[in-house]
Amino acid sequence: MKARAVIFTGNSISHEDARKILRANYQPPVRRFQLEKFVQKGYKVIGIIDGIFFDRAAVGHREILSALNAGIKVVGGASMGALRASELDTHGMIGVGKIYEWYRDGVIESDDEVAVSTNPDTFEPISVPLVNIRETLKAALASGLLSKEEHNGLLQLAIDTYYPDRSYLGLVKEGAKRGLIPEEKKKIILDFCTNNEVDVKREDAILVLETVKKLIEEA
């Protein structure tokens, strides 16, 4: 039987991992002018997790509105999906997860909070999204590893770093170089960040899949 849901992802969660949660048609991160094709093919639910950012190829509001007007349920979260859902939830797009709520409530505003550079073949991220860095540094602060001042300094440094260049190694090295953290704490902070990363994008991607699954079951 043809899958009744199509999901656009690959950065926040791999297609392989996503299939363990939900059987659906998995597509690479969404681009401009792709949704119409799936609307015409009769899909009832569209899940938008990842998408192309910053250029004219990004999925447009009009395309999503057109799908919603056709009676299709559109669920968004984690990345491009969270951004678009925060803009279109009043029109019926379903937003889920922490990142969607942050955008909706104005906690974060910039697209580059969720943007990553990716491996073009596997869509796997090769930089760390700012939303994950935020949550991971918050966890390091809560654990007592970072002081408030160190936390704030590293977070500001991450915000000021161009999104494809964001990494925990780069952040810690540059942070020590600028005197934001003591040189002797470098390794322990890096170990914490890499081993205890709060992958909020992945958590939200799973929520999108679980929401789509529920919608399919209820249909």
N, C-alpha and C. Protein backbone atom coordinates (compact mmCIF):
# COMPACT_ATOMS: atom_id res chain seq x y z
N MET A 1 0.84 -1.20 0.00
CA MET A 1 0.00 0.00 0.00
C MET A 1 0.88 1.25 0.00
N LYS A 2 0.48 2.23 -0.81
CA LYS A 2 1.28 3.46 -0.88
C LYS A 2 1.24 4.21 0.45
N ALA A 3 2.41 4.70 0.88
CA ALA A 3 2.46 5.48 2.12
C ALA A 3 1.57 6.70 1.98
N ARG A 4 0.87 7.02 3.02
CA ARG A 4 -0.05 8.16 2.95
C ARG A 4 0.59 9.44 3.47
N ALA A 5 1.84 9.32 3.87
CA ALA A 5 2.54 10.52 4.37
C ALA A 5 3.87 10.66 3.64
N VAL A 6 4.25 11.90 3.39
CA VAL A 6 5.57 12.16 2.83
C VAL A 6 6.29 13.07 3.84
N ILE A 7 7.54 12.73 4.11
CA ILE A 7 8.33 13.46 5.11
C ILE A 7 9.61 13.97 4.47
N PHE A 8 9.88 15.25 4.68
CA PHE A 8 11.11 15.86 4.16
C PHE A 8 12.10 15.99 5.31
N THR A 9 13.17 15.20 5.26
CA THR A 9 14.17 15.25 6.33
C THR A 9 15.50 14.71 5.83
N GLY A 10 16.44 14.49 6.77
CA GLY A 10 17.76 14.00 6.39
C GLY A 10 18.87 14.63 7.21
N ASN A 11 18.66 15.89 7.64
CA ASN A 11 19.67 16.56 8.48
C ASN A 11 19.40 16.29 9.96
N SER A 12 18.17 16.54 10.39
CA SER A 12 17.83 16.43 11.81
C SER A 12 17.73 14.98 12.26
N ILE A 13 17.28 14.13 11.37
CA ILE A 13 17.23 12.68 11.63
C ILE A 13 17.45 11.99 10.29
N SER A 14 18.17 10.88 10.29
CA SER A 14 18.42 10.18 9.03
C SER A 14 17.16 9.43 8.58
N HIS A 15 17.06 9.19 7.30
CA HIS A 15 15.91 8.43 6.78
C HIS A 15 15.85 7.05 7.43
N GLU A 16 17.01 6.48 7.63
CA GLU A 16 17.11 5.13 8.23
C GLU A 16 16.50 5.11 9.64
N ASP A 17 16.88 6.09 10.45
CA ASP A 17 16.35 6.16 11.82
C ASP A 17 14.87 6.51 11.82
N ALA A 18 14.48 7.39 10.90
CA ALA A 18 13.08 7.82 10.83
C ALA A 18 12.16 6.64 10.48
N ARG A 19 12.64 5.76 9.59
CA ARG A 19 11.82 4.60 9.18
C ARG A 19 11.51 3.66 10.34
N LYS A 20 12.37 3.69 11.36
CA LYS A 20 12.13 2.83 12.54
C LYS A 20 10.92 3.33 13.34
N ILE A 21 10.59 4.60 13.14
CA ILE A 21 9.48 5.22 13.88
C ILE A 21 8.20 5.22 13.04
N LEU A 22 8.35 5.49 11.74
CA LEU A 22 7.19 5.67 10.88
C LEU A 22 7.47 5.19 9.46
N ARG A 23 6.54 4.43 8.93
CA ARG A 23 6.65 4.03 7.52
C ARG A 23 6.04 5.13 6.69
N ALA A 24 6.85 5.73 5.85
CA ALA A 24 6.38 6.85 5.02
C ALA A 24 7.29 6.99 3.82
N ASN A 25 6.95 7.91 2.95
CA ASN A 25 7.81 8.24 1.81
C ASN A 25 8.78 9.32 2.30
N TYR A 26 10.05 8.96 2.42
CA TYR A 26 11.05 9.92 2.90
C TYR A 26 11.76 10.59 1.74
N GLN A 27 11.79 11.90 1.80
CA GLN A 27 12.41 12.73 0.77
C GLN A 27 13.52 13.57 1.38
N PRO A 28 14.48 14.02 0.56
CA PRO A 28 15.53 14.93 1.07
C PRO A 28 14.91 16.23 1.57
N PRO A 29 15.70 17.07 2.25
CA PRO A 29 15.20 18.37 2.72
C PRO A 29 14.43 19.11 1.62
N VAL A 30 13.30 19.68 2.01
CA VAL A 30 12.37 20.27 1.03
C VAL A 30 12.95 21.53 0.38
N ARG A 31 12.62 21.68 -0.90
CA ARG A 31 13.00 22.87 -1.67
C ARG A 31 11.72 23.56 -2.17
N ARG A 32 11.91 24.69 -2.78
CA ARG A 32 10.81 25.41 -3.40
C ARG A 32 10.16 24.56 -4.51
N PHE A 33 8.86 24.67 -4.62
CA PHE A 33 8.07 24.04 -5.70
C PHE A 33 8.05 22.51 -5.69
N GLN A 34 8.17 21.90 -4.51
CA GLN A 34 8.10 20.44 -4.46
C GLN A 34 6.76 19.92 -3.94
N LEU A 35 6.10 20.70 -3.12
CA LEU A 35 4.92 20.18 -2.43
C LEU A 35 3.77 19.83 -3.37
N GLU A 36 3.59 20.65 -4.40
CA GLU A 36 2.46 20.47 -5.32
C GLU A 36 2.41 19.05 -5.90
N LYS A 37 3.58 18.53 -6.23
CA LYS A 37 3.68 17.19 -6.81
C LYS A 37 3.08 16.13 -5.86
N PHE A 38 3.37 16.28 -4.58
CA PHE A 38 2.88 15.29 -3.60
C PHE A 38 1.40 15.50 -3.28
N VAL A 39 0.96 16.75 -3.38
CA VAL A 39 -0.47 17.04 -3.21
C VAL A 39 -1.23 16.34 -4.33
N GLN A 40 -0.74 16.47 -5.55
CA GLN A 40 -1.40 15.85 -6.71
C GLN A 40 -1.38 14.33 -6.65
N LYS A 41 -0.36 13.78 -6.00
CA LYS A 41 -0.27 12.32 -5.89
C LYS A 41 -1.20 11.76 -4.82
N GLY A 42 -1.87 12.65 -4.08
CA GLY A 42 -2.87 12.19 -3.13
C GLY A 42 -2.39 11.93 -1.72
N TYR A 43 -1.23 12.45 -1.37
CA TYR A 43 -0.77 12.29 0.02
C TYR A 43 -1.67 13.11 0.94
N LYS A 44 -1.99 12.55 2.08
CA LYS A 44 -2.92 13.21 3.01
C LYS A 44 -2.18 13.99 4.11
N VAL A 45 -0.93 13.59 4.37
CA VAL A 45 -0.15 14.25 5.43
C VAL A 45 1.25 14.56 4.90
N ILE A 46 1.70 15.77 5.13
CA ILE A 46 3.05 16.18 4.76
C ILE A 46 3.79 16.57 6.04
N GLY A 47 4.96 15.99 6.25
CA GLY A 47 5.78 16.34 7.40
C GLY A 47 7.01 17.10 6.93
N ILE A 48 7.16 18.33 7.39
CA ILE A 48 8.35 19.12 7.01
C ILE A 48 9.26 19.22 8.24
N ILE A 49 10.43 18.60 8.13
CA ILE A 49 11.44 18.69 9.18
C ILE A 49 12.57 19.58 8.66
N ASP A 50 13.26 19.11 7.64
CA ASP A 50 14.40 19.85 7.09
C ASP A 50 14.08 20.47 5.75
N GLY A 51 14.79 21.54 5.44
CA GLY A 51 14.61 22.20 4.15
C GLY A 51 15.82 23.02 3.78
N ILE A 52 15.83 23.44 2.53
CA ILE A 52 16.90 24.29 2.02
C ILE A 52 16.70 25.70 2.58
N PHE A 53 17.80 26.34 3.01
CA PHE A 53 17.72 27.66 3.63
C PHE A 53 18.38 28.74 2.79
N PHE A 54 18.05 29.97 3.11
CA PHE A 54 18.80 31.17 2.72
C PHE A 54 18.76 31.58 1.26
N ASP A 55 18.41 30.70 0.35
CA ASP A 55 18.35 31.17 -1.03
C ASP A 55 16.92 31.08 -1.52
N ARG A 56 16.72 31.33 -2.78
CA ARG A 56 15.36 31.36 -3.30
C ARG A 56 14.74 29.97 -3.40
N ALA A 57 15.55 28.95 -3.13
CA ALA A 57 15.03 27.58 -3.24
C ALA A 57 14.25 27.13 -2.00
N ALA A 58 14.18 27.99 -0.96
CA ALA A 58 13.46 27.59 0.26
C ALA A 58 11.97 27.42 -0.02
N VAL A 59 11.36 26.46 0.67
CA VAL A 59 9.93 26.19 0.47
C VAL A 59 9.13 27.45 0.82
N GLY A 60 8.19 27.81 -0.05
CA GLY A 60 7.45 29.06 0.12
C GLY A 60 6.20 28.91 0.96
N HIS A 61 5.78 30.01 1.57
CA HIS A 61 4.56 30.02 2.38
C HIS A 61 3.35 29.66 1.52
N ARG A 62 3.35 30.19 0.31
CA ARG A 62 2.20 29.98 -0.59
C ARG A 62 1.99 28.50 -0.91
N GLU A 63 3.11 27.78 -1.07
CA GLU A 63 2.99 26.33 -1.37
C GLU A 63 2.34 25.57 -0.23
N ILE A 64 2.75 25.95 0.99
CA ILE A 64 2.21 25.28 2.18
C ILE A 64 0.74 25.63 2.34
N LEU A 65 0.40 26.90 2.14
CA LEU A 65 -1.00 27.34 2.24
C LEU A 65 -1.87 26.62 1.21
N SER A 66 -1.31 26.43 0.03
CA SER A 66 -2.03 25.73 -1.04
C SER A 66 -2.33 24.28 -0.63
N ALA A 67 -1.34 23.62 0.01
CA ALA A 67 -1.55 22.24 0.49
C ALA A 67 -2.61 22.22 1.59
N LEU A 68 -2.54 23.19 2.50
CA LEU A 68 -3.52 23.27 3.60
C LEU A 68 -4.93 23.51 3.04
N ASN A 69 -5.02 24.35 2.03
CA ASN A 69 -6.31 24.64 1.41
C ASN A 69 -6.89 23.44 0.68
N ALA A 70 -6.00 22.53 0.29
CA ALA A 70 -6.44 21.29 -0.38
C ALA A 70 -6.85 20.22 0.64
N GLY A 71 -6.83 20.60 1.92
CA GLY A 71 -7.28 19.67 2.96
C GLY A 71 -6.19 18.73 3.47
N ILE A 72 -4.94 19.05 3.12
CA ILE A 72 -3.83 18.19 3.56
C ILE A 72 -3.33 18.69 4.91
N LYS A 73 -3.01 17.76 5.77
CA LYS A 73 -2.45 18.14 7.08
C LYS A 73 -0.93 18.31 6.91
N VAL A 74 -0.42 19.46 7.31
CA VAL A 74 1.02 19.74 7.20
C VAL A 74 1.57 19.95 8.61
N VAL A 75 2.55 19.10 8.95
CA VAL A 75 3.16 19.14 10.28
C VAL A 75 4.59 19.62 10.14
N GLY A 76 5.01 20.53 11.01
CA GLY A 76 6.39 21.04 10.94
C GLY A 76 7.06 21.08 12.30
N GLY A 77 8.36 20.87 12.30
CA GLY A 77 9.14 20.97 13.53
C GLY A 77 10.61 20.78 13.25
N ALA A 78 11.43 21.08 14.24
CA ALA A 78 12.87 20.80 14.27
C ALA A 78 13.74 21.80 13.52
N SER A 79 13.40 22.11 12.27
CA SER A 79 14.28 22.96 11.48
C SER A 79 13.43 23.88 10.60
N MET A 80 13.54 23.76 9.28
CA MET A 80 12.69 24.55 8.39
C MET A 80 11.21 24.37 8.76
N GLY A 81 10.85 23.16 9.15
CA GLY A 81 9.46 22.87 9.53
C GLY A 81 9.01 23.70 10.72
N ALA A 82 9.91 23.90 11.69
CA ALA A 82 9.58 24.70 12.87
C ALA A 82 9.40 26.17 12.49
N LEU A 83 10.29 26.63 11.63
CA LEU A 83 10.24 28.02 11.18
C LEU A 83 8.94 28.32 10.44
N ARG A 84 8.61 27.47 9.46
CA ARG A 84 7.39 27.69 8.69
C ARG A 84 6.13 27.51 9.54
N ALA A 85 6.16 26.55 10.46
CA ALA A 85 4.98 26.33 11.32
C ALA A 85 4.74 27.53 12.22
N SER A 86 5.81 28.18 12.69
CA SER A 86 5.64 29.35 13.55
C SER A 86 5.02 30.51 12.78
N GLU A 87 5.22 30.50 11.45
CA GLU A 87 4.68 31.58 10.61
C GLU A 87 3.27 31.26 10.11
N LEU A 88 2.96 29.95 10.04
CA LEU A 88 1.69 29.55 9.40
C LEU A 88 0.76 28.76 10.32
N ASP A 89 1.06 28.71 11.62
CA ASP A 89 0.18 27.93 12.51
C ASP A 89 -1.23 28.52 12.58
N THR A 90 -1.33 29.84 12.40
CA THR A 90 -2.66 30.47 12.43
C THR A 90 -3.48 30.09 11.19
N HIS A 91 -2.79 29.57 10.17
CA HIS A 91 -3.48 29.13 8.94
C HIS A 91 -3.74 27.62 8.94
N GLY A 92 -3.36 26.95 10.04
CA GLY A 92 -3.67 25.53 10.13
C GLY A 92 -2.48 24.58 10.07
N MET A 93 -1.27 25.12 9.84
CA MET A 93 -0.10 24.24 9.87
C MET A 93 0.14 23.81 11.32
N ILE A 94 0.45 22.54 11.53
CA ILE A 94 0.64 22.02 12.89
C ILE A 94 2.13 22.09 13.26
N GLY A 95 2.44 22.86 14.29
CA GLY A 95 3.82 22.97 14.76
C GLY A 95 4.02 22.13 16.01
N VAL A 96 5.14 21.44 16.08
CA VAL A 96 5.43 20.64 17.28
C VAL A 96 6.88 20.85 17.72
N GLY A 97 7.11 20.66 19.02
CA GLY A 97 8.48 20.66 19.53
C GLY A 97 8.94 22.00 20.09
N LYS A 98 10.07 21.91 20.73
CA LYS A 98 10.67 23.03 21.44
C LYS A 98 11.09 24.16 20.50
N ILE A 99 11.70 23.80 19.36
CA ILE A 99 12.21 24.83 18.44
C ILE A 99 11.06 25.61 17.82
N TYR A 100 10.01 24.90 17.45
CA TYR A 100 8.80 25.57 16.94
C TYR A 100 8.29 26.57 17.98
N GLU A 101 8.22 26.15 19.24
CA GLU A 101 7.72 27.03 20.31
C GLU A 101 8.63 28.25 20.49
N TRP A 102 9.95 28.03 20.38
CA TRP A 102 10.89 29.15 20.50
C TRP A 102 10.66 30.19 19.40
N TYR A 103 10.50 29.70 18.16
CA TYR A 103 10.22 30.63 17.05
C TYR A 103 8.87 31.32 17.25
N ARG A 104 7.87 30.55 17.62
CA ARG A 104 6.52 31.09 17.81
C ARG A 104 6.51 32.17 18.88
N ASP A 105 7.26 31.93 19.97
CA ASP A 105 7.24 32.85 21.11
C ASP A 105 8.31 33.95 21.02
N GLY A 106 9.08 33.96 19.93
CA GLY A 106 10.09 35.00 19.76
C GLY A 106 11.35 34.82 20.59
N VAL A 107 11.53 33.61 21.15
CA VAL A 107 12.75 33.32 21.93
C VAL A 107 13.95 33.35 20.98
N ILE A 108 13.75 32.78 19.79
CA ILE A 108 14.75 32.87 18.73
C ILE A 108 14.05 33.40 17.48
N GLU A 109 14.81 34.04 16.61
CA GLU A 109 14.19 34.64 15.42
C GLU A 109 14.91 34.31 14.12
N SER A 110 16.21 34.18 14.19
CA SER A 110 17.00 34.02 12.97
C SER A 110 16.92 32.61 12.39
N ASP A 111 16.89 32.52 11.05
CA ASP A 111 16.94 31.22 10.36
C ASP A 111 18.20 30.46 10.73
N ASP A 112 19.28 31.19 11.00
CA ASP A 112 20.57 30.52 11.17
C ASP A 112 20.66 29.78 12.51
N GLU A 113 19.64 29.89 13.35
CA GLU A 113 19.59 29.11 14.60
C GLU A 113 19.54 27.60 14.31
N VAL A 114 18.89 27.23 13.21
CA VAL A 114 18.71 25.80 12.89
C VAL A 114 19.51 25.36 11.67
N ALA A 115 20.13 26.32 10.99
CA ALA A 115 20.85 26.00 9.75
C ALA A 115 22.14 25.24 10.04
N VAL A 116 22.46 24.29 9.17
CA VAL A 116 23.72 23.55 9.26
C VAL A 116 24.28 23.38 7.85
N SER A 117 25.60 23.17 7.76
CA SER A 117 26.13 22.75 6.47
C SER A 117 26.09 21.23 6.47
N THR A 118 25.84 20.65 5.30
CA THR A 118 25.60 19.20 5.24
C THR A 118 26.42 18.52 4.17
N ASN A 119 26.56 17.22 4.35
CA ASN A 119 27.16 16.37 3.32
C ASN A 119 26.13 16.27 2.19
N PRO A 120 26.47 16.71 0.97
CA PRO A 120 25.47 16.73 -0.11
C PRO A 120 24.95 15.34 -0.51
N ASP A 121 25.71 14.31 -0.20
CA ASP A 121 25.27 12.95 -0.57
C ASP A 121 24.36 12.32 0.46
N THR A 122 24.66 12.56 1.74
CA THR A 122 23.90 11.88 2.80
C THR A 122 22.96 12.83 3.56
N PHE A 123 23.08 14.14 3.31
CA PHE A 123 22.34 15.19 4.03
C PHE A 123 22.75 15.30 5.49
N GLU A 124 23.74 14.51 5.90
CA GLU A 124 24.19 14.51 7.28
C GLU A 124 24.82 15.86 7.64
N PRO A 125 24.51 16.40 8.83
CA PRO A 125 25.09 17.69 9.19
C PRO A 125 26.60 17.59 9.46
N ILE A 126 27.35 18.61 8.99
CA ILE A 126 28.78 18.63 9.30
C ILE A 126 29.13 19.87 10.13
N SER A 127 28.11 20.60 10.54
CA SER A 127 28.31 21.66 11.54
C SER A 127 27.22 21.46 12.60
N VAL A 128 27.36 22.18 13.71
CA VAL A 128 26.41 22.00 14.82
C VAL A 128 25.40 23.15 14.81
N PRO A 129 24.09 22.85 14.86
CA PRO A 129 23.11 23.94 14.86
C PRO A 129 23.14 24.72 16.18
N LEU A 130 22.91 26.02 16.07
CA LEU A 130 22.96 26.89 17.24
C LEU A 130 21.96 26.46 18.32
N VAL A 131 20.78 25.97 17.91
CA VAL A 131 19.79 25.54 18.91
C VAL A 131 20.35 24.41 19.79
N ASN A 132 21.13 23.51 19.20
CA ASN A 132 21.75 22.43 19.99
C ASN A 132 22.84 22.98 20.91
N ILE A 133 23.61 23.92 20.40
CA ILE A 133 24.67 24.54 21.22
C ILE A 133 24.04 25.24 22.42
N ARG A 134 22.95 25.96 22.20
CA ARG A 134 22.24 26.65 23.28
C ARG A 134 21.89 25.68 24.42
N GLU A 135 21.24 24.56 24.03
CA GLU A 135 20.77 23.61 25.04
C GLU A 135 21.92 22.86 25.72
N THR A 136 22.97 22.60 24.95
CA THR A 136 24.13 21.88 25.50
C THR A 136 24.90 22.77 26.48
N LEU A 137 25.08 24.04 26.13
CA LEU A 137 25.75 24.97 27.05
C LEU A 137 24.90 25.18 28.31
N LYS A 138 23.57 25.20 28.13
CA LYS A 138 22.67 25.34 29.28
C LYS A 138 22.83 24.14 30.23
N ALA A 139 22.99 22.95 29.64
CA ALA A 139 23.21 21.73 30.45
C ALA A 139 24.56 21.79 31.18
N ALA A 140 25.58 22.33 30.49
CA ALA A 140 26.91 22.47 31.12
C ALA A 140 26.85 23.47 32.28
N LEU A 141 26.04 24.51 32.11
CA LEU A 141 25.85 25.49 33.18
C LEU A 141 25.12 24.84 34.37
N ALA A 142 24.06 24.11 34.07
CA ALA A 142 23.27 23.44 35.11
C ALA A 142 24.09 22.41 35.89
N SER A 143 25.05 21.78 35.19
CA SER A 143 25.88 20.75 35.84
C SER A 143 26.98 21.36 36.70
N GLY A 144 27.16 22.69 36.59
CA GLY A 144 28.20 23.36 37.37
C GLY A 144 29.54 23.42 36.66
N LEU A 145 29.59 22.88 35.45
CA LEU A 145 30.85 22.87 34.69
C LEU A 145 31.20 24.28 34.21
N LEU A 146 30.20 25.04 33.82
CA LEU A 146 30.42 26.41 33.36
C LEU A 146 29.83 27.39 34.36
N SER A 147 30.52 28.51 34.56
CA SER A 147 29.93 29.60 35.36
C SER A 147 28.99 30.36 34.43
N LYS A 148 28.15 31.21 34.99
CA LYS A 148 27.21 32.00 34.19
C LYS A 148 27.97 32.84 33.16
N GLU A 149 29.08 33.41 33.62
CA GLU A 149 29.88 34.27 32.75
C GLU A 149 30.49 33.47 31.59
N GLU A 150 31.02 32.29 31.89
CA GLU A 150 31.59 31.43 30.84
C GLU A 150 30.51 30.99 29.86
N HIS A 151 29.36 30.61 30.40
CA HIS A 151 28.22 30.20 29.56
C HIS A 151 27.84 31.32 28.60
N ASN A 152 27.66 32.53 29.14
CA ASN A 152 27.24 33.67 28.31
C ASN A 152 28.28 34.02 27.25
N GLY A 153 29.55 33.93 27.63
CA GLY A 153 30.63 34.24 26.69
C GLY A 153 30.67 33.25 25.53
N LEU A 154 30.57 31.96 25.85
CA LEU A 154 30.60 30.92 24.81
C LEU A 154 29.36 31.00 23.92
N LEU A 155 28.20 31.27 24.53
CA LEU A 155 26.96 31.37 23.74
C LEU A 155 27.04 32.53 22.76
N GLN A 156 27.54 33.67 23.22
CA GLN A 156 27.66 34.84 22.33
C GLN A 156 28.65 34.55 21.20
N LEU A 157 29.72 33.84 21.53
CA LEU A 157 30.70 33.46 20.51
C LEU A 157 30.06 32.56 19.46
N ALA A 158 29.24 31.61 19.91
CA ALA A 158 28.54 30.70 18.98
C ALA A 158 27.58 31.48 18.09
N ILE A 159 26.86 32.44 18.69
CA ILE A 159 25.91 33.26 17.91
C ILE A 159 26.65 34.06 16.84
N ASP A 160 27.84 34.56 17.19
CA ASP A 160 28.62 35.39 16.26
C ASP A 160 29.37 34.59 15.19
N THR A 161 29.38 33.26 15.34
CA THR A 161 30.09 32.41 14.38
C THR A 161 29.18 32.08 13.20
N TYR A 162 29.72 32.18 11.99
CA TYR A 162 28.95 31.87 10.78
C TYR A 162 28.48 30.41 10.85
N TYR A 163 27.22 30.14 10.51
CA TYR A 163 26.63 28.84 10.80
C TYR A 163 27.40 27.61 10.27
N PRO A 164 28.03 27.65 9.08
CA PRO A 164 28.74 26.43 8.64
C PRO A 164 30.00 26.14 9.46
N ASP A 165 30.46 27.15 10.23
CA ASP A 165 31.71 27.01 10.99
C ASP A 165 31.47 26.63 12.45
N ARG A 166 30.22 26.42 12.83
CA ARG A 166 29.94 26.12 14.24
C ARG A 166 30.27 24.67 14.58
N SER A 167 31.15 24.50 15.58
CA SER A 167 31.47 23.16 16.08
C SER A 167 31.88 23.33 17.54
N TYR A 168 31.75 22.25 18.30
CA TYR A 168 32.14 22.34 19.72
C TYR A 168 33.64 22.53 19.85
N LEU A 169 34.41 21.86 18.99
CA LEU A 169 35.87 21.99 19.04
C LEU A 169 36.27 23.43 18.77
N GLY A 170 35.73 24.00 17.70
CA GLY A 170 36.05 25.39 17.34
C GLY A 170 35.64 26.37 18.43
N LEU A 171 34.47 26.12 19.01
CA LEU A 171 33.93 27.00 20.05
C LEU A 171 34.82 27.02 21.29
N VAL A 172 35.22 25.83 21.72
CA VAL A 172 36.05 25.71 22.92
C VAL A 172 37.46 26.28 22.68
N LYS A 173 38.03 25.98 21.52
CA LYS A 173 39.38 26.49 21.20
C LYS A 173 39.39 28.01 21.14
N GLU A 174 38.42 28.56 20.42
CA GLU A 174 38.34 30.02 20.27
C GLU A 174 37.98 30.68 21.60
N GLY A 175 37.12 30.00 22.38
CA GLY A 175 36.72 30.52 23.69
C GLY A 175 37.92 30.65 24.63
N ALA A 176 38.80 29.65 24.61
CA ALA A 176 40.01 29.68 25.45
C ALA A 176 40.97 30.77 24.96
N LYS A 177 41.07 30.87 23.62
CA LYS A 177 41.98 31.85 23.02
C LYS A 177 41.58 33.29 23.40
N ARG A 178 40.25 33.49 23.48
CA ARG A 178 39.75 34.83 23.82
C ARG A 178 39.63 35.06 25.33
N GLY A 179 40.00 34.05 26.11
CA GLY A 179 39.95 34.20 27.56
C GLY A 179 38.55 34.06 28.16
N LEU A 180 37.62 33.48 27.38
CA LEU A 180 36.24 33.29 27.88
C LEU A 180 36.17 32.11 28.85
N ILE A 181 37.07 31.14 28.64
CA ILE A 181 37.18 30.00 29.55
C ILE A 181 38.66 29.76 29.82
N PRO A 182 39.00 29.21 31.00
CA PRO A 182 40.42 28.93 31.26
C PRO A 182 40.95 27.80 30.36
N GLU A 183 42.18 27.95 29.94
CA GLU A 183 42.83 26.96 29.07
C GLU A 183 42.71 25.54 29.63
N GLU A 184 42.86 25.40 30.95
CA GLU A 184 42.86 24.06 31.56
C GLU A 184 41.46 23.40 31.58
N LYS A 185 40.42 24.20 31.30
CA LYS A 185 39.06 23.62 31.29
C LYS A 185 38.62 23.18 29.88
N LYS A 186 39.48 23.50 28.90
CA LYS A 186 39.13 23.25 27.50
C LYS A 186 38.69 21.81 27.24
N LYS A 187 39.52 20.86 27.66
CA LYS A 187 39.24 19.45 27.35
C LYS A 187 37.97 18.96 28.03
N ILE A 188 37.80 19.30 29.28
CA ILE A 188 36.63 18.82 30.03
C ILE A 188 35.32 19.40 29.45
N ILE A 189 35.39 20.67 29.01
CA ILE A 189 34.19 21.28 28.40
C ILE A 189 33.89 20.63 27.05
N LEU A 190 34.94 20.41 26.26
CA LEU A 190 34.75 19.76 24.96
C LEU A 190 34.18 18.35 25.12
N ASP A 191 34.73 17.62 26.08
CA ASP A 191 34.23 16.25 26.34
C ASP A 191 32.75 16.28 26.73
N PHE A 192 32.39 17.23 27.58
CA PHE A 192 30.99 17.34 28.00
C PHE A 192 30.09 17.62 26.80
N CYS A 193 30.49 18.60 25.98
CA CYS A 193 29.66 19.00 24.84
C CYS A 193 29.50 17.88 23.81
N THR A 194 30.57 17.14 23.56
CA THR A 194 30.47 16.08 22.54
C THR A 194 29.78 14.83 23.08
N ASN A 195 29.97 14.54 24.34
CA ASN A 195 29.37 13.32 24.90
C ASN A 195 27.98 13.52 25.48
N ASN A 196 27.62 14.77 25.77
CA ASN A 196 26.31 15.04 26.37
C ASN A 196 25.52 16.05 25.57
N GLU A 197 25.76 16.08 24.27
CA GLU A 197 25.06 17.06 23.45
C GLU A 197 23.55 16.89 23.58
N VAL A 198 22.85 18.02 23.76
CA VAL A 198 21.39 17.99 23.76
C VAL A 198 20.96 18.22 22.32
N ASP A 199 20.59 17.14 21.64
CA ASP A 199 20.23 17.23 20.22
C ASP A 199 18.75 17.55 20.09
N VAL A 200 18.44 18.83 20.31
CA VAL A 200 17.04 19.27 20.32
C VAL A 200 16.40 19.13 18.94
N LYS A 201 17.20 19.27 17.88
CA LYS A 201 16.64 19.11 16.53
C LYS A 201 16.16 17.67 16.31
N ARG A 202 16.96 16.72 16.75
CA ARG A 202 16.57 15.31 16.59
C ARG A 202 15.33 14.99 17.44
N GLU A 203 15.32 15.50 18.68
CA GLU A 203 14.17 15.26 19.56
C GLU A 203 12.88 15.80 18.91
N ASP A 204 12.97 16.98 18.34
CA ASP A 204 11.80 17.58 17.70
C ASP A 204 11.41 16.85 16.41
N ALA A 205 12.42 16.36 15.69
CA ALA A 205 12.15 15.58 14.47
C ALA A 205 11.34 14.32 14.82
N ILE A 206 11.71 13.69 15.92
CA ILE A 206 10.98 12.49 16.37
C ILE A 206 9.53 12.86 16.70
N LEU A 207 9.33 14.02 17.32
CA LEU A 207 7.97 14.49 17.63
C LEU A 207 7.14 14.69 16.36
N VAL A 208 7.77 15.21 15.31
CA VAL A 208 7.07 15.37 14.03
C VAL A 208 6.60 14.01 13.52
N LEU A 209 7.51 13.04 13.55
CA LEU A 209 7.18 11.69 13.06
C LEU A 209 6.06 11.06 13.89
N GLU A 210 6.12 11.24 15.19
CA GLU A 210 5.09 10.67 16.07
C GLU A 210 3.74 11.35 15.84
N THR A 211 3.77 12.66 15.56
CA THR A 211 2.53 13.40 15.29
C THR A 211 1.92 12.94 13.97
N VAL A 212 2.76 12.80 12.95
CA VAL A 212 2.28 12.31 11.64
C VAL A 212 1.68 10.92 11.77
N LYS A 213 2.37 10.07 12.54
CA LYS A 213 1.89 8.70 12.76
C LYS A 213 0.47 8.71 13.36
N LYS A 214 0.27 9.57 14.34
CA LYS A 214 -1.03 9.68 15.01
C LYS A 214 -2.11 10.16 14.01
N LEU A 215 -1.74 11.14 13.18
CA LEU A 215 -2.69 11.67 12.21
C LEU A 215 -3.11 10.61 11.19
N ILE A 216 -2.15 9.77 10.79
CA ILE A 216 -2.44 8.70 9.84
C ILE A 216 -3.38 7.68 10.47
N GLU A 217 -3.10 7.36 11.73
CA GLU A 217 -3.93 6.37 12.44
C GLU A 217 -5.35 6.88 12.64
N GLU A 218 -5.48 8.19 12.82
CA GLU A 218 -6.81 8.76 13.06
C GLU A 218 -7.60 8.96 11.78
N ALA A 219 -6.89 8.99 10.63
CA ALA A 219 -7.56 9.26 9.35
C ALA A 219 -8.52 8.16 8.95
